[in-house]
Amino acid sequence: MSTARVQPGVCGFETEIDAAADDAMNVVLRIRSACPQVTRLGQTLPQVSALELLRRPIHETSVYRAAGAARTHAACPVPCAIIKAIEVAAGLALPQDVHIAIDRETPQRTG
């Protein structure tokens, strides 16, 4: 089993994803979040085939199709975290944290 904890940023809707392989490649998901869209996403993804994620382009995976149907924000990091948790649970990846750091520089005015 693997667990991914997502701190998404400005929205503040932290999410926890539990992924457990019930056989070699099928992974059962449990997704908890205060975000209504992510909650809806979790309800439509009780189980995912890890092999399906490897064989399809990202926009054709069940995770990203369900994220689109649930109307998650385009920059929401949760769908990516779901895929990472599935890969670890299925033994296709090692558990490693992923970070996105965003800085905004204010242009200096001269003159």
C-alpha atoms as a PDB file:
ATOM      1  CA  MET A   1       0.000   0.000   0.000  1.00  0.00           C
ATOM      2  CA  SER A   2       1.100   3.556  -0.608  1.00  0.00           C
ATOM      3  CA  THR A   3      -0.202   6.863   0.681  1.00  0.00           C
ATOM      4  CA  ALA A   4       0.166  10.233  -1.025  1.00  0.00           C
ATOM      5  CA  ARG A   5      -0.510  13.449   0.853  1.00  0.00           C
ATOM      6  CA  VAL A   6      -1.138  16.484  -1.333  1.00  0.00           C
ATOM      7  CA  GLN A   7      -0.862  20.082  -0.158  1.00  0.00           C
ATOM      8  CA  PRO A   8      -2.166  21.810  -3.269  1.00  0.00           C
ATOM      9  CA  GLY A   9      -1.424  25.436  -2.524  1.00  0.00           C
ATOM     10  CA  VAL A  10      -3.792  28.390  -2.592  1.00  0.00           C
ATOM     11  CA  CYS A  11      -7.063  26.419  -2.452  1.00  0.00           C
ATOM     12  CA  GLY A  12      -5.955  24.799   0.810  1.00  0.00           C
ATOM     13  CA  PHE A  13      -7.829  21.537   0.151  1.00  0.00           C
ATOM     14  CA  GLU A  14      -5.344  18.958   1.389  1.00  0.00           C
ATOM     15  CA  THR A  15      -5.915  15.486  -0.011  1.00  0.00           C
ATOM     16  CA  GLU A  16      -4.866  12.024   1.124  1.00  0.00           C
ATOM     17  CA  ILE A  17      -4.742   9.128  -1.321  1.00  0.00           C
ATOM     18  CA  ASP A  18      -4.397   5.491  -0.227  1.00  0.00           C
ATOM     19  CA  ALA A  19      -3.574   3.019  -2.983  1.00  0.00           C
ATOM     20  CA  ALA A  20      -3.469  -0.748  -2.428  1.00  0.00           C
ATOM     21  CA  ALA A  21      -2.739  -3.357  -5.098  1.00  0.00           C
ATOM     22  CA  ASP A  22      -5.391  -6.079  -4.893  1.00  0.00           C
ATOM     23  CA  ASP A  23      -3.454  -8.202  -7.395  1.00  0.00           C
ATOM     24  CA  ALA A  24      -0.437  -7.685  -9.631  1.00  0.00           C
ATOM     25  CA  MET A  25      -1.770  -4.624 -11.432  1.00  0.00           C
ATOM     26  CA  ASN A  26      -5.206  -3.565 -10.164  1.00  0.00           C
ATOM     27  CA  VAL A  27      -5.042  -0.879  -7.497  1.00  0.00           C
ATOM     28  CA  VAL A  28      -7.883   0.038  -5.137  1.00  0.00           C
ATOM     29  CA  LEU A  29      -8.044   3.731  -4.229  1.00  0.00           C
ATOM     30  CA  ARG A  30      -9.353   5.641  -1.231  1.00  0.00           C
ATOM     31  CA  ILE A  31      -9.279   9.416  -1.666  1.00  0.00           C
ATOM     32  CA  ARG A  32     -10.120  11.867   1.120  1.00  0.00           C
ATOM     33  CA  SER A  33     -10.371  15.609   0.538  1.00  0.00           C
ATOM     34  CA  ALA A  34     -12.424  18.647   1.515  1.00  0.00           C
ATOM     35  CA  CYS A  35     -12.475  19.639  -2.169  1.00  0.00           C
ATOM     36  CA  PRO A  36     -15.848  18.764  -3.762  1.00  0.00           C
ATOM     37  CA  GLN A  37     -14.280  18.103  -7.173  1.00  0.00           C
ATOM     38  CA  VAL A  38     -11.582  15.815  -5.755  1.00  0.00           C
ATOM     39  CA  THR A  39     -14.194  14.005  -3.653  1.00  0.00           C
ATOM     40  CA  ARG A  40     -16.235  13.436  -6.825  1.00  0.00           C
ATOM     41  CA  LEU A  41     -13.072  12.248  -8.600  1.00  0.00           C
ATOM     42  CA  GLY A  42     -12.406   9.728  -5.833  1.00  0.00           C
ATOM     43  CA  GLN A  43     -15.959   8.393  -6.015  1.00  0.00           C
ATOM     44  CA  THR A  44     -15.567   7.629  -9.721  1.00  0.00           C
ATOM     45  CA  LEU A  45     -12.153   5.929  -9.320  1.00  0.00           C
ATOM     46  CA  PRO A  46     -12.542   3.053  -6.849  1.00  0.00           C
ATOM     47  CA  GLN A  47     -10.033   0.910  -8.778  1.00  0.00           C
ATOM     48  CA  VAL A  48      -7.500   1.545 -11.546  1.00  0.00           C
ATOM     49  CA  SER A  49      -5.346  -0.745 -13.682  1.00  0.00           C
ATOM     50  CA  ALA A  50      -1.698   0.254 -13.298  1.00  0.00           C
ATOM     51  CA  LEU A  51      -0.945  -1.213 -16.732  1.00  0.00           C
ATOM     52  CA  GLU A  52      -3.554   1.055 -18.313  1.00  0.00           C
ATOM     53  CA  LEU A  53      -1.625   4.049 -17.001  1.00  0.00           C
ATOM     54  CA  LEU A  54       1.557   2.836 -18.687  1.00  0.00           C
ATOM     55  CA  ARG A  55      -0.042   2.082 -22.042  1.00  0.00           C
ATOM     56  CA  ARG A  56      -2.038   5.232 -22.722  1.00  0.00           C
ATOM     57  CA  PRO A  57      -1.156   8.870 -23.302  1.00  0.00           C
ATOM     58  CA  ILE A  58      -1.747  10.919 -20.144  1.00  0.00           C
ATOM     59  CA  HIS A  59      -4.953  12.557 -21.430  1.00  0.00           C
ATOM     60  CA  GLU A  60      -6.466   9.141 -22.228  1.00  0.00           C
ATOM     61  CA  THR A  61      -5.912   7.559 -18.805  1.00  0.00           C
ATOM     62  CA  SER A  62      -8.876   6.777 -16.589  1.00  0.00           C
ATOM     63  CA  VAL A  63      -7.419   9.102 -13.931  1.00  0.00           C
ATOM     64  CA  TYR A  64      -7.266  12.199 -16.136  1.00  0.00           C
ATOM     65  CA  ARG A  65     -10.582  11.413 -17.863  1.00  0.00           C
ATOM     66  CA  ALA A  66     -12.225  11.151 -14.433  1.00  0.00           C
ATOM     67  CA  ALA A  67     -10.496  14.367 -13.319  1.00  0.00           C
ATOM     68  CA  GLY A  68     -11.946  16.152 -16.337  1.00  0.00           C
ATOM     69  CA  ALA A  69     -15.423  14.774 -15.667  1.00  0.00           C
ATOM     70  CA  ALA A  70     -15.147  15.848 -12.003  1.00  0.00           C
ATOM     71  CA  ARG A  71     -14.130  19.331 -13.180  1.00  0.00           C
ATOM     72  CA  THR A  72     -10.898  19.507 -11.203  1.00  0.00           C
ATOM     73  CA  HIS A  73      -8.840  22.624 -11.905  1.00  0.00           C
ATOM     74  CA  ALA A  74      -6.380  22.198 -14.785  1.00  0.00           C
ATOM     75  CA  ALA A  75      -3.433  22.867 -12.438  1.00  0.00           C
ATOM     76  CA  CYS A  76      -4.676  20.568  -9.653  1.00  0.00           C
ATOM     77  CA  PRO A  77      -1.801  18.278  -8.575  1.00  0.00           C
ATOM     78  CA  VAL A  78      -4.111  15.542  -7.263  1.00  0.00           C
ATOM     79  CA  PRO A  79      -4.475  13.525 -10.518  1.00  0.00           C
ATOM     80  CA  CYS A  80      -0.686  13.323 -10.806  1.00  0.00           C
ATOM     81  CA  ALA A  81      -0.449  12.250  -7.147  1.00  0.00           C
ATOM     82  CA  ILE A  82      -3.052   9.531  -7.768  1.00  0.00           C
ATOM     83  CA  ILE A  83      -0.937   8.122 -10.590  1.00  0.00           C
ATOM     84  CA  LYS A  84       2.244   8.250  -8.483  1.00  0.00           C
ATOM     85  CA  ALA A  85       0.478   6.442  -5.603  1.00  0.00           C
ATOM     86  CA  ILE A  86      -0.821   3.771  -8.001  1.00  0.00           C
ATOM     87  CA  GLU A  87       2.653   3.202  -9.460  1.00  0.00           C
ATOM     88  CA  VAL A  88       4.187   2.760  -5.995  1.00  0.00           C
ATOM     89  CA  ALA A  89       1.391   0.440  -4.804  1.00  0.00           C
ATOM     90  CA  ALA A  90       1.803  -1.719  -7.929  1.00  0.00           C
ATOM     91  CA  GLY A  91       5.580  -1.886  -7.533  1.00  0.00           C
ATOM     92  CA  LEU A  92       6.214   0.131 -10.699  1.00  0.00           C
ATOM     93  CA  ALA A  93       7.946   3.046  -8.947  1.00  0.00           C
ATOM     94  CA  LEU A  94       9.830   3.767  -5.762  1.00  0.00           C
ATOM     95  CA  PRO A  95       8.252   6.055  -3.170  1.00  0.00           C
ATOM     96  CA  GLN A  96       9.794   9.477  -3.638  1.00  0.00           C
ATOM     97  CA  ASP A  97       8.388  12.907  -2.814  1.00  0.00           C
ATOM     98  CA  VAL A  98       7.554  15.246  -5.683  1.00  0.00           C
ATOM     99  CA  HIS A  99       7.763  19.009  -5.215  1.00  0.00           C
ATOM    100  CA  ILE A 100       6.668  21.993  -7.268  1.00  0.00           C
ATOM    101  CA  ALA A 101       8.015  25.298  -5.991  1.00  0.00           C
ATOM    102  CA  ILE A 102       6.461  28.454  -7.428  1.00  0.00           C
ATOM    103  CA  ASP A 103       8.055  31.874  -7.028  1.00  0.00           C
ATOM    104  CA  ARG A 104       6.911  35.120  -8.525  1.00  0.00           C
ATOM    105  CA  GLU A 105       9.421  37.805  -9.188  1.00  0.00           C
ATOM    106  CA  THR A 106       8.308  41.412  -9.313  1.00  0.00           C
ATOM    107  CA  PRO A 107       9.988  43.264 -12.171  1.00  0.00           C
ATOM    108  CA  GLN A 108      12.297  46.062 -11.073  1.00  0.00           C
ATOM    109  CA  ARG A 109      11.401  49.458 -12.516  1.00  0.00           C
ATOM    110  CA  THR A 110      14.226  51.653 -13.617  1.00  0.00           C
ATOM    111  CA  GLY A 111      14.272  55.371 -14.122  1.00  0.00           C
END
